[in-house]
């Protein structure tokens, strides 16, 4: 079982090729765990939805998609790991909001050239504490994305 995602980096532009340490998904998406397949289907559907949208419409779609796909609490805690426990509830909420705005901006930027190509699964590898790292890739333009699929028990460590 896999829960919401923690982005390690979202669609960083790299040259096409294999990612070290990732096992190719033998048998493609069909061979993946059903929960991982569901995540891949969500990413593919949301990529198609963003194709060709002007900036304002893309921003709205990215905000909605990110809220449903990204575990913003985990992202915020990782980003402010050293100071998180000392932040007031209001400061934590401000940090979460800032993190989500950044994620939405990156989504809009990285989908400006989106032609609707479905991301392909490059590979999957085990992370810490039951997490899995899912690598996806598009060819045009060439982007890799690495997604941390958090373990359902919530005890997964984040990097």
N, C-alpha and C. Protein backbone atom coordinates (compact mmCIF):
# COMPACT_ATOMS: atom_id res chain seq x y z
N UNK A 1 0.85 -1.18 0.00
CA UNK A 1 0.00 0.00 0.00
C UNK A 1 0.89 1.23 0.00
N UNK A 2 0.58 2.19 -0.81
CA UNK A 2 1.36 3.41 -0.93
C UNK A 2 0.45 4.60 -0.71
N UNK A 3 0.93 5.58 0.01
CA UNK A 3 0.14 6.78 0.27
C UNK A 3 0.62 7.92 -0.60
N UNK A 4 0.37 9.12 -0.18
CA UNK A 4 0.68 10.30 -0.97
C UNK A 4 2.18 10.43 -1.21
N UNK A 5 2.53 11.31 -2.10
CA UNK A 5 3.91 11.44 -2.56
C UNK A 5 4.66 12.57 -1.89
N UNK A 6 5.94 12.36 -1.76
CA UNK A 6 6.86 13.39 -1.32
C UNK A 6 7.83 13.60 -2.48
N UNK A 7 7.78 14.75 -3.17
CA UNK A 7 8.68 14.92 -4.31
C UNK A 7 10.11 15.14 -3.85
N UNK A 8 11.04 14.37 -4.39
CA UNK A 8 12.45 14.60 -4.09
C UNK A 8 12.95 15.74 -4.96
N UNK A 9 12.69 15.69 -6.21
CA UNK A 9 12.81 16.83 -7.12
C UNK A 9 11.80 16.54 -8.19
N UNK A 10 11.22 17.55 -8.73
CA UNK A 10 10.14 17.35 -9.67
C UNK A 10 10.62 17.70 -11.07
N UNK A 11 10.65 16.70 -11.92
CA UNK A 11 10.97 16.84 -13.34
C UNK A 11 12.23 17.66 -13.59
N UNK A 12 13.29 17.31 -12.90
CA UNK A 12 14.57 17.97 -13.17
C UNK A 12 15.02 17.60 -14.57
N UNK A 13 15.45 18.57 -15.32
CA UNK A 13 15.87 18.30 -16.69
C UNK A 13 17.23 17.60 -16.67
N UNK A 14 17.26 16.45 -17.26
CA UNK A 14 18.48 15.66 -17.37
C UNK A 14 18.58 15.17 -18.80
N UNK A 15 19.74 14.69 -19.17
CA UNK A 15 19.82 14.05 -20.48
C UNK A 15 19.18 12.68 -20.36
N UNK A 16 18.55 12.24 -21.41
CA UNK A 16 17.87 10.96 -21.39
C UNK A 16 18.87 9.85 -21.13
N UNK A 17 18.45 8.84 -20.42
CA UNK A 17 19.29 7.69 -20.11
C UNK A 17 18.84 7.04 -18.82
N UNK A 18 19.55 6.01 -18.42
CA UNK A 18 19.17 5.26 -17.22
C UNK A 18 19.56 6.03 -15.96
N UNK A 19 18.83 5.79 -14.91
CA UNK A 19 19.15 6.37 -13.61
C UNK A 19 19.87 5.32 -12.79
N UNK A 20 21.05 5.65 -12.25
CA UNK A 20 21.80 4.66 -11.47
C UNK A 20 21.00 4.22 -10.25
N UNK A 21 21.03 2.92 -9.97
CA UNK A 21 20.38 2.38 -8.78
C UNK A 21 18.92 2.02 -8.95
N UNK A 22 18.33 2.31 -10.09
CA UNK A 22 16.93 2.00 -10.31
C UNK A 22 16.80 0.75 -11.16
N UNK A 23 16.00 -0.17 -10.68
CA UNK A 23 15.74 -1.38 -11.45
C UNK A 23 14.67 -1.05 -12.47
N UNK A 24 14.90 -1.47 -13.69
CA UNK A 24 13.88 -1.27 -14.71
C UNK A 24 12.63 -2.03 -14.30
N UNK A 25 11.50 -1.47 -14.59
CA UNK A 25 10.24 -2.13 -14.24
C UNK A 25 10.02 -3.27 -15.22
N UNK A 26 10.43 -4.48 -14.82
CA UNK A 26 10.26 -5.66 -15.67
C UNK A 26 8.78 -5.82 -15.99
N UNK A 27 8.45 -5.94 -17.24
CA UNK A 27 7.06 -6.09 -17.62
C UNK A 27 6.30 -4.77 -17.66
N UNK A 28 7.03 -3.65 -17.47
CA UNK A 28 6.40 -2.34 -17.53
C UNK A 28 5.46 -2.09 -16.37
N UNK A 29 4.55 -1.15 -16.57
CA UNK A 29 3.62 -0.74 -15.53
C UNK A 29 2.76 -1.90 -15.06
N UNK A 30 2.42 -2.82 -15.96
CA UNK A 30 1.55 -3.94 -15.60
C UNK A 30 2.13 -4.78 -14.47
N UNK A 31 3.46 -4.82 -14.35
CA UNK A 31 4.09 -5.66 -13.33
C UNK A 31 4.22 -4.95 -11.98
N UNK A 32 3.86 -3.68 -11.91
CA UNK A 32 4.00 -2.94 -10.66
C UNK A 32 2.91 -3.31 -9.66
N UNK A 33 3.21 -3.06 -8.40
CA UNK A 33 2.24 -3.20 -7.32
C UNK A 33 1.00 -2.37 -7.67
N UNK A 34 -0.20 -2.84 -7.36
CA UNK A 34 -1.42 -2.09 -7.72
C UNK A 34 -1.44 -0.65 -7.17
N UNK A 35 -0.92 -0.44 -5.97
CA UNK A 35 -0.91 0.91 -5.41
C UNK A 35 0.03 1.82 -6.21
N UNK A 36 1.17 1.29 -6.64
CA UNK A 36 2.11 2.07 -7.45
C UNK A 36 1.49 2.33 -8.82
N UNK A 37 0.82 1.34 -9.39
CA UNK A 37 0.13 1.54 -10.68
C UNK A 37 -0.88 2.68 -10.57
N UNK A 38 -1.59 2.74 -9.45
CA UNK A 38 -2.58 3.81 -9.27
C UNK A 38 -1.91 5.18 -9.25
N UNK A 39 -0.75 5.27 -8.58
CA UNK A 39 0.01 6.53 -8.54
C UNK A 39 0.45 6.90 -9.96
N UNK A 40 0.98 5.93 -10.71
CA UNK A 40 1.43 6.19 -12.08
C UNK A 40 0.26 6.66 -12.92
N UNK A 41 -0.90 6.02 -12.78
CA UNK A 41 -2.08 6.43 -13.56
C UNK A 41 -2.48 7.86 -13.22
N UNK A 42 -2.38 8.23 -11.96
CA UNK A 42 -2.70 9.61 -11.55
C UNK A 42 -1.74 10.60 -12.19
N UNK A 43 -0.44 10.29 -12.15
CA UNK A 43 0.58 11.17 -12.74
C UNK A 43 0.34 11.31 -14.25
N UNK A 44 0.07 10.20 -14.93
CA UNK A 44 -0.18 10.22 -16.37
C UNK A 44 -1.42 11.06 -16.68
N UNK A 45 -2.50 10.86 -15.93
CA UNK A 45 -3.73 11.61 -16.16
C UNK A 45 -3.55 13.10 -15.93
N UNK A 46 -2.82 13.43 -14.89
CA UNK A 46 -2.61 14.84 -14.59
C UNK A 46 -1.68 15.50 -15.60
N UNK A 47 -0.72 14.75 -16.13
CA UNK A 47 0.15 15.29 -17.17
C UNK A 47 -0.67 15.60 -18.42
N UNK A 48 -1.54 14.70 -18.79
CA UNK A 48 -2.39 14.91 -19.97
C UNK A 48 -3.31 16.12 -19.76
N UNK A 49 -3.82 16.28 -18.55
CA UNK A 49 -4.71 17.40 -18.26
C UNK A 49 -4.01 18.75 -18.41
N UNK A 50 -2.72 18.79 -18.12
CA UNK A 50 -1.97 20.05 -18.18
C UNK A 50 -1.51 20.42 -19.60
N UNK A 51 -1.54 19.48 -20.51
CA UNK A 51 -1.02 19.71 -21.87
C UNK A 51 -1.69 20.90 -22.54
N UNK A 52 -0.87 21.83 -22.99
CA UNK A 52 -1.35 22.96 -23.78
C UNK A 52 -2.11 24.03 -23.02
N UNK A 53 -2.17 23.95 -21.71
CA UNK A 53 -2.91 24.96 -20.94
C UNK A 53 -2.11 26.25 -20.85
N UNK A 54 -2.79 27.41 -20.98
CA UNK A 54 -2.11 28.68 -20.74
C UNK A 54 -1.75 28.77 -19.25
N UNK A 55 -0.85 29.69 -18.91
CA UNK A 55 -0.29 29.78 -17.55
C UNK A 55 -1.35 29.84 -16.45
N UNK A 56 -2.37 30.66 -16.59
CA UNK A 56 -3.38 30.81 -15.52
C UNK A 56 -4.14 29.50 -15.32
N UNK A 57 -4.53 28.85 -16.40
CA UNK A 57 -5.24 27.57 -16.29
C UNK A 57 -4.32 26.49 -15.76
N UNK A 58 -3.05 26.51 -16.18
CA UNK A 58 -2.08 25.53 -15.68
C UNK A 58 -1.86 25.72 -14.18
N UNK A 59 -1.81 26.97 -13.73
CA UNK A 59 -1.62 27.23 -12.30
C UNK A 59 -2.77 26.66 -11.48
N UNK A 60 -3.98 26.87 -11.95
CA UNK A 60 -5.15 26.34 -11.25
C UNK A 60 -5.12 24.81 -11.22
N UNK A 61 -4.80 24.19 -12.35
CA UNK A 61 -4.73 22.72 -12.42
C UNK A 61 -3.59 22.20 -11.55
N UNK A 62 -2.44 22.86 -11.59
CA UNK A 62 -1.30 22.43 -10.77
C UNK A 62 -1.62 22.52 -9.28
N UNK A 63 -2.30 23.58 -8.87
CA UNK A 63 -2.66 23.75 -7.46
C UNK A 63 -3.59 22.63 -7.02
N UNK A 64 -4.59 22.33 -7.82
CA UNK A 64 -5.54 21.27 -7.48
C UNK A 64 -4.86 19.91 -7.46
N UNK A 65 -4.04 19.64 -8.49
CA UNK A 65 -3.36 18.35 -8.58
C UNK A 65 -2.36 18.18 -7.44
N UNK A 66 -1.59 19.22 -7.16
CA UNK A 66 -0.57 19.12 -6.11
C UNK A 66 -1.21 18.87 -4.76
N UNK A 67 -2.33 19.52 -4.50
CA UNK A 67 -3.02 19.32 -3.21
C UNK A 67 -3.48 17.88 -3.04
N UNK A 68 -3.84 17.23 -4.14
CA UNK A 68 -4.32 15.85 -4.04
C UNK A 68 -3.19 14.82 -4.10
N UNK A 69 -2.07 15.19 -4.68
CA UNK A 69 -1.00 14.23 -4.92
C UNK A 69 0.17 14.35 -3.95
N UNK A 70 0.45 15.55 -3.48
CA UNK A 70 1.64 15.81 -2.66
C UNK A 70 1.28 15.82 -1.18
N UNK A 71 2.10 15.18 -0.37
CA UNK A 71 1.95 15.23 1.09
C UNK A 71 2.70 16.47 1.57
N UNK A 72 1.99 17.60 1.60
CA UNK A 72 2.62 18.88 1.90
C UNK A 72 3.16 18.93 3.33
N UNK A 73 2.52 18.22 4.26
CA UNK A 73 3.04 18.19 5.63
C UNK A 73 4.43 17.57 5.65
N UNK A 74 4.62 16.47 4.94
CA UNK A 74 5.93 15.83 4.88
C UNK A 74 6.96 16.73 4.20
N UNK A 75 6.55 17.39 3.12
CA UNK A 75 7.46 18.29 2.40
C UNK A 75 7.91 19.42 3.33
N UNK A 76 6.96 20.03 4.03
CA UNK A 76 7.29 21.14 4.92
C UNK A 76 8.21 20.70 6.06
N UNK A 77 7.92 19.55 6.64
CA UNK A 77 8.75 19.05 7.75
C UNK A 77 10.18 18.76 7.29
N UNK A 78 10.31 18.21 6.10
CA UNK A 78 11.65 17.94 5.57
C UNK A 78 12.39 19.25 5.31
N UNK A 79 11.71 20.22 4.74
CA UNK A 79 12.34 21.50 4.41
C UNK A 79 12.78 22.29 5.63
N UNK A 80 12.07 22.13 6.72
CA UNK A 80 12.39 22.88 7.95
C UNK A 80 12.76 21.94 9.09
N UNK A 81 13.36 20.83 8.74
CA UNK A 81 13.63 19.76 9.70
C UNK A 81 14.28 20.24 11.00
N UNK A 82 15.29 21.09 10.90
CA UNK A 82 16.02 21.51 12.10
C UNK A 82 15.21 22.44 13.00
N UNK A 83 14.26 23.15 12.44
CA UNK A 83 13.53 24.13 13.25
C UNK A 83 12.05 23.80 13.43
N UNK A 84 11.57 22.74 12.78
CA UNK A 84 10.14 22.44 12.75
C UNK A 84 9.50 22.43 14.14
N UNK A 85 10.12 21.75 15.09
CA UNK A 85 9.53 21.62 16.43
C UNK A 85 9.47 22.95 17.18
N UNK A 86 10.28 23.90 16.79
CA UNK A 86 10.26 25.20 17.48
C UNK A 86 9.31 26.20 16.83
N UNK A 87 8.74 25.86 15.68
CA UNK A 87 7.83 26.78 14.99
C UNK A 87 6.44 26.74 15.63
N UNK A 88 5.82 27.90 15.69
CA UNK A 88 4.44 27.99 16.19
C UNK A 88 3.52 27.39 15.12
N UNK A 89 2.31 27.02 15.50
CA UNK A 89 1.36 26.51 14.49
C UNK A 89 1.15 27.48 13.32
N UNK A 90 1.12 28.77 13.61
CA UNK A 90 0.94 29.76 12.53
C UNK A 90 2.14 29.77 11.59
N UNK A 91 3.34 29.67 12.14
CA UNK A 91 4.55 29.65 11.29
C UNK A 91 4.63 28.36 10.48
N UNK A 92 4.21 27.25 11.08
CA UNK A 92 4.18 25.99 10.33
C UNK A 92 3.22 26.09 9.15
N UNK A 93 2.06 26.67 9.38
CA UNK A 93 1.10 26.82 8.30
C UNK A 93 1.63 27.76 7.22
N UNK A 94 2.31 28.82 7.62
CA UNK A 94 2.91 29.74 6.64
C UNK A 94 3.97 29.01 5.81
N UNK A 95 4.75 28.16 6.46
CA UNK A 95 5.79 27.40 5.76
C UNK A 95 5.15 26.41 4.79
N UNK A 96 4.10 25.71 5.24
CA UNK A 96 3.38 24.77 4.35
C UNK A 96 2.85 25.51 3.12
N UNK A 97 2.25 26.67 3.35
CA UNK A 97 1.69 27.45 2.24
C UNK A 97 2.77 27.88 1.26
N UNK A 98 3.92 28.33 1.79
CA UNK A 98 5.03 28.74 0.93
C UNK A 98 5.55 27.54 0.13
N UNK A 99 5.66 26.39 0.77
CA UNK A 99 6.13 25.19 0.08
C UNK A 99 5.16 24.81 -1.04
N UNK A 100 3.87 24.89 -0.79
CA UNK A 100 2.89 24.54 -1.81
C UNK A 100 2.94 25.54 -2.96
N UNK A 101 3.11 26.83 -2.67
CA UNK A 101 3.24 27.82 -3.75
C UNK A 101 4.45 27.51 -4.62
N UNK A 102 5.56 27.12 -4.01
CA UNK A 102 6.77 26.77 -4.76
C UNK A 102 6.49 25.56 -5.65
N UNK A 103 5.84 24.53 -5.10
CA UNK A 103 5.52 23.32 -5.87
C UNK A 103 4.63 23.67 -7.06
N UNK A 104 3.64 24.51 -6.85
CA UNK A 104 2.74 24.90 -7.94
C UNK A 104 3.51 25.68 -9.01
N UNK A 105 4.38 26.61 -8.59
CA UNK A 105 5.19 27.36 -9.57
C UNK A 105 6.06 26.42 -10.40
N UNK A 106 6.71 25.44 -9.74
CA UNK A 106 7.56 24.48 -10.47
C UNK A 106 6.71 23.65 -11.43
N UNK A 107 5.54 23.24 -11.01
CA UNK A 107 4.63 22.47 -11.86
C UNK A 107 4.29 23.26 -13.12
N UNK A 108 3.93 24.54 -12.96
CA UNK A 108 3.59 25.38 -14.11
C UNK A 108 4.80 25.54 -15.02
N UNK A 109 5.98 25.85 -14.44
CA UNK A 109 7.19 26.03 -15.24
C UNK A 109 7.53 24.77 -16.03
N UNK A 110 7.46 23.64 -15.37
CA UNK A 110 7.92 22.41 -16.00
C UNK A 110 6.88 21.79 -16.92
N UNK A 111 5.69 22.35 -16.94
CA UNK A 111 4.68 21.86 -17.86
C UNK A 111 4.40 22.85 -18.98
N UNK A 112 5.16 23.94 -19.07
CA UNK A 112 4.91 24.92 -20.12
C UNK A 112 5.15 24.34 -21.51
N UNK A 113 6.02 23.34 -21.61
CA UNK A 113 6.27 22.70 -22.90
C UNK A 113 5.59 21.34 -23.01
N UNK A 114 4.71 21.05 -22.09
CA UNK A 114 4.03 19.76 -22.03
C UNK A 114 3.16 19.58 -23.28
N UNK A 115 3.46 18.54 -24.02
CA UNK A 115 2.70 18.25 -25.24
C UNK A 115 1.71 17.11 -25.01
N UNK A 116 1.56 16.69 -23.75
CA UNK A 116 0.62 15.63 -23.42
C UNK A 116 1.20 14.24 -23.44
N UNK A 117 2.51 14.14 -23.66
CA UNK A 117 3.15 12.82 -23.66
C UNK A 117 3.04 12.20 -22.27
N UNK A 118 2.59 10.99 -22.22
CA UNK A 118 2.46 10.30 -20.94
C UNK A 118 3.85 9.94 -20.40
N UNK A 119 4.13 10.27 -19.13
CA UNK A 119 5.40 9.86 -18.54
C UNK A 119 5.50 8.34 -18.51
N UNK A 120 6.69 7.84 -18.74
CA UNK A 120 6.93 6.40 -18.69
C UNK A 120 7.70 6.07 -17.43
N UNK A 121 7.43 4.91 -16.87
CA UNK A 121 8.15 4.46 -15.69
C UNK A 121 9.55 4.02 -16.12
N UNK A 122 10.56 4.65 -15.53
CA UNK A 122 11.95 4.30 -15.81
C UNK A 122 12.39 3.19 -14.87
N UNK A 123 11.97 3.28 -13.62
CA UNK A 123 12.36 2.25 -12.66
C UNK A 123 11.80 2.54 -11.29
N UNK A 124 12.04 1.60 -10.41
CA UNK A 124 11.56 1.67 -9.05
C UNK A 124 12.65 1.09 -8.16
N UNK A 125 12.87 1.72 -7.02
CA UNK A 125 13.84 1.17 -6.08
C UNK A 125 13.34 1.38 -4.66
N UNK A 126 13.87 0.58 -3.77
CA UNK A 126 13.48 0.70 -2.37
C UNK A 126 14.20 1.87 -1.74
N UNK A 127 13.47 2.59 -0.93
CA UNK A 127 14.04 3.68 -0.16
C UNK A 127 14.14 3.26 1.30
N UNK A 128 14.16 4.23 2.17
CA UNK A 128 14.26 3.98 3.60
C UNK A 128 12.90 3.69 4.20
N UNK A 129 12.88 2.90 5.26
CA UNK A 129 11.69 2.65 6.08
C UNK A 129 10.46 2.26 5.27
N UNK A 130 10.65 1.46 4.23
CA UNK A 130 9.53 0.99 3.44
C UNK A 130 9.11 1.89 2.30
N UNK A 131 9.75 3.05 2.17
CA UNK A 131 9.45 3.94 1.05
C UNK A 131 9.92 3.29 -0.25
N UNK A 132 9.35 3.75 -1.36
CA UNK A 132 9.82 3.37 -2.68
C UNK A 132 10.11 4.65 -3.46
N UNK A 133 11.09 4.61 -4.31
CA UNK A 133 11.42 5.74 -5.17
C UNK A 133 11.04 5.36 -6.59
N UNK A 134 10.15 6.13 -7.17
CA UNK A 134 9.63 5.89 -8.51
C UNK A 134 10.23 6.92 -9.45
N UNK A 135 10.84 6.46 -10.54
CA UNK A 135 11.41 7.37 -11.54
C UNK A 135 10.54 7.32 -12.79
N UNK A 136 10.12 8.50 -13.27
CA UNK A 136 9.37 8.59 -14.51
C UNK A 136 10.12 9.51 -15.46
N UNK A 137 9.81 9.38 -16.75
CA UNK A 137 10.51 10.16 -17.76
C UNK A 137 9.58 10.50 -18.91
N UNK A 138 9.74 11.72 -19.43
CA UNK A 138 9.13 12.08 -20.71
C UNK A 138 10.27 12.37 -21.68
N UNK A 139 10.00 12.23 -22.96
CA UNK A 139 11.03 12.43 -23.98
C UNK A 139 11.01 13.83 -24.58
N UNK A 140 9.85 14.43 -24.68
CA UNK A 140 9.74 15.69 -25.42
C UNK A 140 8.93 16.70 -24.62
N UNK A 141 9.57 17.58 -23.89
CA UNK A 141 11.01 17.69 -23.66
C UNK A 141 11.47 16.63 -22.67
N UNK A 142 12.78 16.33 -22.67
CA UNK A 142 13.28 15.27 -21.78
C UNK A 142 13.31 15.72 -20.32
N UNK A 143 12.49 15.07 -19.51
CA UNK A 143 12.44 15.33 -18.08
C UNK A 143 12.39 14.00 -17.34
N UNK A 144 13.15 13.91 -16.27
CA UNK A 144 13.01 12.82 -15.31
C UNK A 144 12.32 13.40 -14.08
N UNK A 145 11.51 12.61 -13.42
CA UNK A 145 10.94 12.99 -12.13
C UNK A 145 11.14 11.82 -11.18
N UNK A 146 11.54 12.12 -9.98
CA UNK A 146 11.71 11.11 -8.94
C UNK A 146 10.68 11.39 -7.86
N UNK A 147 9.90 10.38 -7.54
CA UNK A 147 8.83 10.50 -6.54
C UNK A 147 9.11 9.54 -5.40
N UNK A 148 9.03 10.03 -4.18
CA UNK A 148 9.13 9.15 -3.01
C UNK A 148 7.72 8.72 -2.64
N UNK A 149 7.46 7.44 -2.73
CA UNK A 149 6.16 6.88 -2.35
C UNK A 149 6.29 6.47 -0.90
N UNK A 150 5.58 7.17 -0.05
CA UNK A 150 5.71 6.97 1.39
C UNK A 150 5.02 5.69 1.84
N UNK A 151 5.65 5.05 2.82
CA UNK A 151 5.07 3.87 3.43
C UNK A 151 3.78 4.25 4.14
N UNK A 152 2.78 3.38 4.14
CA UNK A 152 1.48 3.74 4.71
C UNK A 152 1.48 3.94 6.22
N UNK A 153 2.48 3.42 6.93
CA UNK A 153 2.48 3.56 8.38
C UNK A 153 2.97 4.93 8.86
N UNK A 154 3.38 5.78 7.93
CA UNK A 154 3.76 7.13 8.26
C UNK A 154 5.11 7.27 8.94
N UNK A 155 5.83 6.15 9.13
CA UNK A 155 7.10 6.25 9.85
C UNK A 155 8.28 6.37 8.89
N UNK A 156 8.01 6.53 7.64
CA UNK A 156 9.09 6.63 6.67
C UNK A 156 9.93 7.87 6.91
N UNK A 157 11.23 7.70 6.81
CA UNK A 157 12.09 8.88 6.95
C UNK A 157 12.08 9.63 5.63
N UNK A 158 12.26 10.94 5.69
CA UNK A 158 12.27 11.75 4.49
C UNK A 158 13.65 12.37 4.30
N UNK A 159 14.05 12.50 3.04
CA UNK A 159 15.33 13.15 2.74
C UNK A 159 15.10 14.33 1.86
